[in-house]
Amino acid sequence: MLLMRFSTETKTIIKMKKSILSLTITSFVLGLILVGCETPTEKVKNAQEDALDAKVEVIDAKQDLKNNIRFCCRLSTV
């Protein structure tokens, strides 16, 4: 084995590095999970904001359509 060639002190350092790496990865994954979770209240709020944004986009699209129709009508009468 590779660890047999190292001294006891070196083996301890390697084990500590592995422990620290494992702890770091675990902490990172837990942090991602906690940050990614949304409460039901936040989900509702986000859905309401999305719906409001969609309504604004529909109003803008309708206005653009009206403007385009007016412009086309002006061109056809010229």
C-alpha atoms as a PDB file:
ATOM      1  CA  MET A   1       0.000   0.000   0.000  1.00  0.00           C
ATOM      2  CA  LEU A   2       0.993   3.556  -0.617  1.00  0.00           C
ATOM      3  CA  LEU A   3       0.284   4.678   2.964  1.00  0.00           C
ATOM      4  CA  MET A   4       2.748   2.113   4.360  1.00  0.00           C
ATOM      5  CA  ARG A   5       5.665   4.067   2.898  1.00  0.00           C
ATOM      6  CA  PHE A   6       4.776   7.252   4.803  1.00  0.00           C
ATOM      7  CA  SER A   7       5.572   8.009   8.424  1.00  0.00           C
ATOM      8  CA  THR A   8       2.834   8.104  11.050  1.00  0.00           C
ATOM      9  CA  GLU A   9       2.903  11.896  11.036  1.00  0.00           C
ATOM     10  CA  THR A  10       2.450  12.035   7.273  1.00  0.00           C
ATOM     11  CA  LYS A  11      -0.415   9.523   7.479  1.00  0.00           C
ATOM     12  CA  THR A  12      -2.129  11.730  10.054  1.00  0.00           C
ATOM     13  CA  ILE A  13      -1.748  14.781   7.824  1.00  0.00           C
ATOM     14  CA  ILE A  14      -3.229  12.884   4.864  1.00  0.00           C
ATOM     15  CA  LYS A  15      -6.188  11.749   6.992  1.00  0.00           C
ATOM     16  CA  MET A  16      -6.728  15.330   8.189  1.00  0.00           C
ATOM     17  CA  LYS A  17      -6.705  16.621   4.619  1.00  0.00           C
ATOM     18  CA  LYS A  18      -9.278  14.000   3.642  1.00  0.00           C
ATOM     19  CA  SER A  19     -11.437  14.922   6.651  1.00  0.00           C
ATOM     20  CA  ILE A  20     -11.237  18.634   5.866  1.00  0.00           C
ATOM     21  CA  LEU A  21     -12.064  17.979   2.209  1.00  0.00           C
ATOM     22  CA  SER A  22     -15.062  15.845   3.187  1.00  0.00           C
ATOM     23  CA  LEU A  23     -16.286  18.490   5.614  1.00  0.00           C
ATOM     24  CA  THR A  24     -15.864  21.218   3.000  1.00  0.00           C
ATOM     25  CA  ILE A  25     -17.790  19.284   0.358  1.00  0.00           C
ATOM     26  CA  THR A  26     -20.552  18.423   2.822  1.00  0.00           C
ATOM     27  CA  SER A  27     -20.853  22.055   3.917  1.00  0.00           C
ATOM     28  CA  PHE A  28     -20.979  23.221   0.315  1.00  0.00           C
ATOM     29  CA  VAL A  29     -23.725  20.757  -0.600  1.00  0.00           C
ATOM     30  CA  LEU A  30     -25.772  21.672   2.488  1.00  0.00           C
ATOM     31  CA  GLY A  31     -25.374  25.351   1.662  1.00  0.00           C
ATOM     32  CA  LEU A  32     -26.665  24.754  -1.865  1.00  0.00           C
ATOM     33  CA  ILE A  33     -29.653  22.852  -0.535  1.00  0.00           C
ATOM     34  CA  LEU A  34     -30.540  25.541   2.001  1.00  0.00           C
ATOM     35  CA  VAL A  35     -30.155  28.394  -0.468  1.00  0.00           C
ATOM     36  CA  GLY A  36     -32.156  26.561  -3.123  1.00  0.00           C
ATOM     37  CA  CYS A  37     -35.161  25.965  -0.895  1.00  0.00           C
ATOM     38  CA  GLU A  38     -38.089  28.353  -1.211  1.00  0.00           C
ATOM     39  CA  THR A  39     -40.862  28.681   1.300  1.00  0.00           C
ATOM     40  CA  PRO A  40     -44.442  28.449   0.010  1.00  0.00           C
ATOM     41  CA  THR A  41     -44.831  32.180   0.661  1.00  0.00           C
ATOM     42  CA  GLU A  42     -41.817  32.955  -1.544  1.00  0.00           C
ATOM     43  CA  LYS A  43     -43.171  30.673  -4.272  1.00  0.00           C
ATOM     44  CA  VAL A  44     -46.505  32.519  -4.245  1.00  0.00           C
ATOM     45  CA  LYS A  45     -44.777  35.894  -4.318  1.00  0.00           C
ATOM     46  CA  ASN A  46     -42.582  34.846  -7.248  1.00  0.00           C
ATOM     47  CA  ALA A  47     -45.592  33.482  -9.121  1.00  0.00           C
ATOM     48  CA  GLN A  48     -47.481  36.747  -8.584  1.00  0.00           C
ATOM     49  CA  GLU A  49     -44.533  38.747  -9.872  1.00  0.00           C
ATOM     50  CA  ASP A  50     -44.254  36.488 -12.920  1.00  0.00           C
ATOM     51  CA  ALA A  51     -47.970  36.872 -13.627  1.00  0.00           C
ATOM     52  CA  LEU A  52     -47.701  40.652 -13.342  1.00  0.00           C
ATOM     53  CA  ASP A  53     -44.724  40.689 -15.708  1.00  0.00           C
ATOM     54  CA  ALA A  54     -46.673  38.571 -18.181  1.00  0.00           C
ATOM     55  CA  LYS A  55     -49.632  40.964 -18.041  1.00  0.00           C
ATOM     56  CA  VAL A  56     -47.356  43.921 -18.754  1.00  0.00           C
ATOM     57  CA  GLU A  57     -45.856  42.065 -21.710  1.00  0.00           C
ATOM     58  CA  VAL A  58     -49.333  41.322 -23.097  1.00  0.00           C
ATOM     59  CA  ILE A  59     -50.329  44.990 -22.788  1.00  0.00           C
ATOM     60  CA  ASP A  60     -47.118  46.033 -24.564  1.00  0.00           C
ATOM     61  CA  ALA A  61     -47.678  43.477 -27.318  1.00  0.00           C
ATOM     62  CA  LYS A  62     -51.253  44.684 -27.867  1.00  0.00           C
ATOM     63  CA  GLN A  63     -50.053  48.281 -28.103  1.00  0.00           C
ATOM     64  CA  ASP A  64     -47.347  47.296 -30.587  1.00  0.00           C
ATOM     65  CA  LEU A  65     -49.922  45.444 -32.664  1.00  0.00           C
ATOM     66  CA  LYS A  66     -52.224  48.484 -32.720  1.00  0.00           C
ATOM     67  CA  ASN A  67     -49.321  50.711 -33.760  1.00  0.00           C
ATOM     68  CA  ASN A  68     -48.326  48.310 -36.526  1.00  0.00           C
ATOM     69  CA  ILE A  69     -51.892  48.104 -37.826  1.00  0.00           C
ATOM     70  CA  ARG A  70     -52.145  51.910 -37.896  1.00  0.00           C
ATOM     71  CA  PHE A  71     -48.824  52.158 -39.710  1.00  0.00           C
ATOM     72  CA  CYS A  72     -49.876  49.545 -42.294  1.00  0.00           C
ATOM     73  CA  CYS A  73     -53.195  51.329 -42.851  1.00  0.00           C
ATOM     74  CA  ARG A  74     -51.386  54.591 -43.472  1.00  0.00           C
ATOM     75  CA  LEU A  75     -49.111  52.915 -46.005  1.00  0.00           C
ATOM     76  CA  SER A  76     -52.007  51.338 -47.862  1.00  0.00           C
ATOM     77  CA  THR A  77     -53.831  54.685 -48.237  1.00  0.00           C
ATOM     78  CA  VAL A  78     -50.782  56.463 -49.645  1.00  0.00           C
END
